[in-house]
Amino acid sequence: MRRQIAAAGAAVAMLLGGCAQNAAMEATAQERADRELAAALEGRVRGEPVDCVSASGLEAPRIIDRDTLLYRPVGDTVWRNELPVGCTPLRGGSPTLIVELHGSQLCRNDSFRVLEQGASIPSASCRLGQFIPYRRPD
């Protein structure tokens, strides 16, 4: 009986240790994302959010984390897109975004899917949020 209790206690300790390790890894990933976002927006001033931006001249989005994308056009503005619902497939690696473009603009609520490197089937759809401009002060 004592062996069974000890074995159960060891199993619980292993489970809790795994949860703590996952939480530490997530905290480290979030700290990295926060540093990357701060560096990308350093020296820039936040503007008023807009629903759509011109797709022409935009570079591929820079994935910060599952909630944030940065778009950089040819000009000096950086467009931050906060997804209304986190897009879980954006968590790691170097995924490709497949954006469903309707016309010449990217807009809030436009859908995109994520294709993981080496995969042939994209994820379920995720949605874009409002575009927040960050510009250097005049």
C-alpha atoms as a PDB file:
ATOM      1  CA  MET A   1       0.000   0.000   0.000  1.00  0.00           C
ATOM      2  CA  ARG A   2       2.812   2.377   0.896  1.00  0.00           C
ATOM      3  CA  ARG A   3       4.516   1.636  -2.436  1.00  0.00           C
ATOM      4  CA  GLN A   4       1.342   2.523  -4.305  1.00  0.00           C
ATOM      5  CA  ILE A   5       1.040   5.818  -2.421  1.00  0.00           C
ATOM      6  CA  ALA A   6       4.703   6.598  -3.062  1.00  0.00           C
ATOM      7  CA  ALA A   7       4.301   5.763  -6.773  1.00  0.00           C
ATOM      8  CA  ALA A   8       1.203   7.964  -7.006  1.00  0.00           C
ATOM      9  CA  GLY A   9       3.058  10.794  -5.249  1.00  0.00           C
ATOM     10  CA  ALA A  10       5.983  10.463  -7.675  1.00  0.00           C
ATOM     11  CA  ALA A  11       3.607  10.549 -10.667  1.00  0.00           C
ATOM     12  CA  VAL A  12       1.935  13.717  -9.362  1.00  0.00           C
ATOM     13  CA  ALA A  13       5.350  15.326  -8.776  1.00  0.00           C
ATOM     14  CA  MET A  14       6.383  14.490 -12.365  1.00  0.00           C
ATOM     15  CA  LEU A  15       3.170  15.982 -13.755  1.00  0.00           C
ATOM     16  CA  LEU A  16       3.590  19.164 -11.728  1.00  0.00           C
ATOM     17  CA  GLY A  17       7.229  19.409 -12.780  1.00  0.00           C
ATOM     18  CA  GLY A  18       6.205  19.150 -16.445  1.00  0.00           C
ATOM     19  CA  CYS A  19       3.600  21.903 -15.965  1.00  0.00           C
ATOM     20  CA  ALA A  20       6.175  24.159 -14.330  1.00  0.00           C
ATOM     21  CA  GLN A  21       8.628  23.524 -17.184  1.00  0.00           C
ATOM     22  CA  ASN A  22       5.950  24.368 -19.798  1.00  0.00           C
ATOM     23  CA  ALA A  23       5.060  27.567 -17.934  1.00  0.00           C
ATOM     24  CA  ALA A  24       8.744  28.560 -17.826  1.00  0.00           C
ATOM     25  CA  MET A  25       9.120  27.901 -21.573  1.00  0.00           C
ATOM     26  CA  GLU A  26       6.006  29.980 -22.326  1.00  0.00           C
ATOM     27  CA  ALA A  27       7.294  32.830 -20.131  1.00  0.00           C
ATOM     28  CA  THR A  28      10.626  32.748 -21.970  1.00  0.00           C
ATOM     29  CA  ALA A  29       8.869  32.808 -25.365  1.00  0.00           C
ATOM     30  CA  GLN A  30       6.686  35.731 -24.255  1.00  0.00           C
ATOM     31  CA  GLU A  31       9.716  37.642 -22.962  1.00  0.00           C
ATOM     32  CA  ARG A  32      11.424  37.109 -26.335  1.00  0.00           C
ATOM     33  CA  ALA A  33       8.307  38.311 -28.165  1.00  0.00           C
ATOM     34  CA  ASP A  34       8.068  41.392 -25.930  1.00  0.00           C
ATOM     35  CA  ARG A  35      11.746  42.270 -26.589  1.00  0.00           C
ATOM     36  CA  GLU A  36      11.354  41.734 -30.347  1.00  0.00           C
ATOM     37  CA  LEU A  37       8.241  43.930 -30.480  1.00  0.00           C
ATOM     38  CA  ALA A  38       9.873  46.685 -28.419  1.00  0.00           C
ATOM     39  CA  ALA A  39      12.943  46.678 -30.693  1.00  0.00           C
ATOM     40  CA  ALA A  40      10.828  46.804 -33.873  1.00  0.00           C
ATOM     41  CA  LEU A  41       8.760  49.750 -32.608  1.00  0.00           C
ATOM     42  CA  GLU A  42      11.550  51.644 -30.818  1.00  0.00           C
ATOM     43  CA  GLY A  43      11.526  55.377 -31.550  1.00  0.00           C
ATOM     44  CA  ARG A  44       8.113  55.223 -33.206  1.00  0.00           C
ATOM     45  CA  VAL A  45       4.833  56.788 -32.129  1.00  0.00           C
ATOM     46  CA  ARG A  46       1.544  54.920 -32.170  1.00  0.00           C
ATOM     47  CA  GLY A  47      -1.165  56.332 -34.459  1.00  0.00           C
ATOM     48  CA  GLU A  48      -4.897  55.746 -34.732  1.00  0.00           C
ATOM     49  CA  PRO A  49      -5.920  52.207 -35.775  1.00  0.00           C
ATOM     50  CA  VAL A  50      -7.427  51.694 -39.232  1.00  0.00           C
ATOM     51  CA  ASP A  51      -9.426  48.807 -40.647  1.00  0.00           C
ATOM     52  CA  CYS A  52      -7.541  48.434 -43.971  1.00  0.00           C
ATOM     53  CA  VAL A  53      -4.093  49.070 -45.456  1.00  0.00           C
ATOM     54  CA  SER A  54      -2.882  48.868 -49.044  1.00  0.00           C
ATOM     55  CA  ALA A  55      -1.367  45.455 -49.760  1.00  0.00           C
ATOM     56  CA  SER A  56       0.941  46.757 -52.466  1.00  0.00           C
ATOM     57  CA  GLY A  57       4.460  47.300 -51.244  1.00  0.00           C
ATOM     58  CA  LEU A  58       3.998  45.415 -47.966  1.00  0.00           C
ATOM     59  CA  GLU A  59       6.709  42.985 -47.013  1.00  0.00           C
ATOM     60  CA  ALA A  60       5.750  39.578 -45.639  1.00  0.00           C
ATOM     61  CA  PRO A  61       4.524  39.913 -42.075  1.00  0.00           C
ATOM     62  CA  ARG A  62       6.931  39.476 -39.207  1.00  0.00           C
ATOM     63  CA  ILE A  63       5.412  37.080 -36.704  1.00  0.00           C
ATOM     64  CA  ILE A  64       5.971  38.298 -33.154  1.00  0.00           C
ATOM     65  CA  ASP A  65       3.758  35.786 -31.349  1.00  0.00           C
ATOM     66  CA  ARG A  66       0.383  34.122 -31.801  1.00  0.00           C
ATOM     67  CA  ASP A  67      -1.375  37.455 -31.205  1.00  0.00           C
ATOM     68  CA  THR A  68       0.792  39.969 -33.091  1.00  0.00           C
ATOM     69  CA  LEU A  69       1.988  40.504 -36.664  1.00  0.00           C
ATOM     70  CA  LEU A  70       4.075  43.411 -37.967  1.00  0.00           C
ATOM     71  CA  TYR A  71       3.842  44.620 -41.555  1.00  0.00           C
ATOM     72  CA  ARG A  72       6.445  46.961 -42.988  1.00  0.00           C
ATOM     73  CA  PRO A  73       5.682  48.738 -46.253  1.00  0.00           C
ATOM     74  CA  VAL A  74       8.211  50.457 -48.488  1.00  0.00           C
ATOM     75  CA  GLY A  75       7.819  53.666 -46.414  1.00  0.00           C
ATOM     76  CA  ASP A  76       8.716  54.376 -42.806  1.00  0.00           C
ATOM     77  CA  THR A  77       5.495  53.166 -41.155  1.00  0.00           C
ATOM     78  CA  VAL A  78       5.318  49.871 -39.302  1.00  0.00           C
ATOM     79  CA  TRP A  79       1.809  48.411 -39.114  1.00  0.00           C
ATOM     80  CA  ARG A  80       1.070  46.363 -36.004  1.00  0.00           C
ATOM     81  CA  ASN A  81      -1.796  43.909 -36.292  1.00  0.00           C
ATOM     82  CA  GLU A  82      -3.225  42.575 -33.044  1.00  0.00           C
ATOM     83  CA  LEU A  83      -5.243  39.484 -33.928  1.00  0.00           C
ATOM     84  CA  PRO A  84      -8.715  39.528 -32.312  1.00  0.00           C
ATOM     85  CA  VAL A  85      -8.271  35.875 -31.346  1.00  0.00           C
ATOM     86  CA  GLY A  86      -4.815  34.368 -30.958  1.00  0.00           C
ATOM     87  CA  CYS A  87      -3.726  32.170 -33.841  1.00  0.00           C
ATOM     88  CA  THR A  88      -2.234  29.085 -32.192  1.00  0.00           C
ATOM     89  CA  PRO A  89      -0.324  27.840 -35.296  1.00  0.00           C
ATOM     90  CA  LEU A  90       1.847  31.005 -35.163  1.00  0.00           C
ATOM     91  CA  ARG A  91       3.705  29.696 -32.122  1.00  0.00           C
ATOM     92  CA  GLY A  92       6.991  28.646 -33.624  1.00  0.00           C
ATOM     93  CA  GLY A  93       9.182  27.763 -36.534  1.00  0.00           C
ATOM     94  CA  SER A  94       9.078  29.708 -39.771  1.00  0.00           C
ATOM     95  CA  PRO A  95       5.512  29.357 -41.018  1.00  0.00           C
ATOM     96  CA  THR A  96       4.154  30.810 -44.245  1.00  0.00           C
ATOM     97  CA  LEU A  97       0.934  32.838 -44.079  1.00  0.00           C
ATOM     98  CA  ILE A  98      -1.635  32.210 -46.779  1.00  0.00           C
ATOM     99  CA  VAL A  99      -3.772  35.350 -46.867  1.00  0.00           C
ATOM    100  CA  GLU A 100      -7.130  35.495 -48.622  1.00  0.00           C
ATOM    101  CA  LEU A 101      -6.842  38.894 -50.296  1.00  0.00           C
ATOM    102  CA  HIS A 102     -10.079  40.507 -51.537  1.00  0.00           C
ATOM    103  CA  GLY A 103      -9.072  43.454 -53.711  1.00  0.00           C
ATOM    104  CA  SER A 104      -5.948  45.525 -53.165  1.00  0.00           C
ATOM    105  CA  GLN A 105      -6.130  45.904 -49.388  1.00  0.00           C
ATOM    106  CA  LEU A 106      -5.591  43.858 -46.260  1.00  0.00           C
ATOM    107  CA  CYS A 107      -8.486  44.479 -43.888  1.00  0.00           C
ATOM    108  CA  ARG A 108      -9.654  43.669 -40.405  1.00  0.00           C
ATOM    109  CA  ASN A 109     -11.403  40.289 -40.348  1.00  0.00           C
ATOM    110  CA  ASP A 110      -9.612  39.079 -43.508  1.00  0.00           C
ATOM    111  CA  SER A 111      -8.764  35.411 -43.123  1.00  0.00           C
ATOM    112  CA  PHE A 112      -5.388  33.755 -43.323  1.00  0.00           C
ATOM    113  CA  ARG A 113      -4.089  30.269 -42.758  1.00  0.00           C
ATOM    114  CA  VAL A 114      -0.715  29.094 -41.541  1.00  0.00           C
ATOM    115  CA  LEU A 115       1.428  26.582 -43.415  1.00  0.00           C
ATOM    116  CA  GLU A 116       4.073  25.047 -41.186  1.00  0.00           C
ATOM    117  CA  GLN A 117       7.481  24.452 -42.717  1.00  0.00           C
ATOM    118  CA  GLY A 118       7.504  20.991 -44.311  1.00  0.00           C
ATOM    119  CA  ALA A 119       3.703  20.588 -44.076  1.00  0.00           C
ATOM    120  CA  SER A 120       1.365  20.340 -47.043  1.00  0.00           C
ATOM    121  CA  ILE A 121      -1.937  21.116 -45.301  1.00  0.00           C
ATOM    122  CA  PRO A 122      -2.493  24.623 -43.859  1.00  0.00           C
ATOM    123  CA  SER A 123      -4.098  25.311 -40.488  1.00  0.00           C
ATOM    124  CA  ALA A 124      -7.655  26.414 -39.857  1.00  0.00           C
ATOM    125  CA  SER A 125      -8.383  30.069 -40.616  1.00  0.00           C
ATOM    126  CA  CYS A 126      -7.282  32.917 -38.372  1.00  0.00           C
ATOM    127  CA  ARG A 127      -8.444  36.547 -38.662  1.00  0.00           C
ATOM    128  CA  LEU A 128      -6.606  39.843 -38.901  1.00  0.00           C
ATOM    129  CA  GLY A 129      -7.367  42.653 -36.469  1.00  0.00           C
ATOM    130  CA  GLN A 130      -7.114  46.420 -36.896  1.00  0.00           C
ATOM    131  CA  PHE A 131      -3.885  47.866 -38.254  1.00  0.00           C
ATOM    132  CA  ILE A 132      -2.090  50.236 -35.884  1.00  0.00           C
ATOM    133  CA  PRO A 133       0.481  52.542 -37.496  1.00  0.00           C
ATOM    134  CA  TYR A 134       3.776  53.291 -35.767  1.00  0.00           C
ATOM    135  CA  ARG A 135       5.720  56.177 -37.297  1.00  0.00           C
ATOM    136  CA  ARG A 136       8.882  58.045 -36.422  1.00  0.00           C
ATOM    137  CA  PRO A 137       8.109  61.485 -34.984  1.00  0.00           C
ATOM    138  CA  ASP A 138       8.664  64.427 -37.346  1.00  0.00           C
END
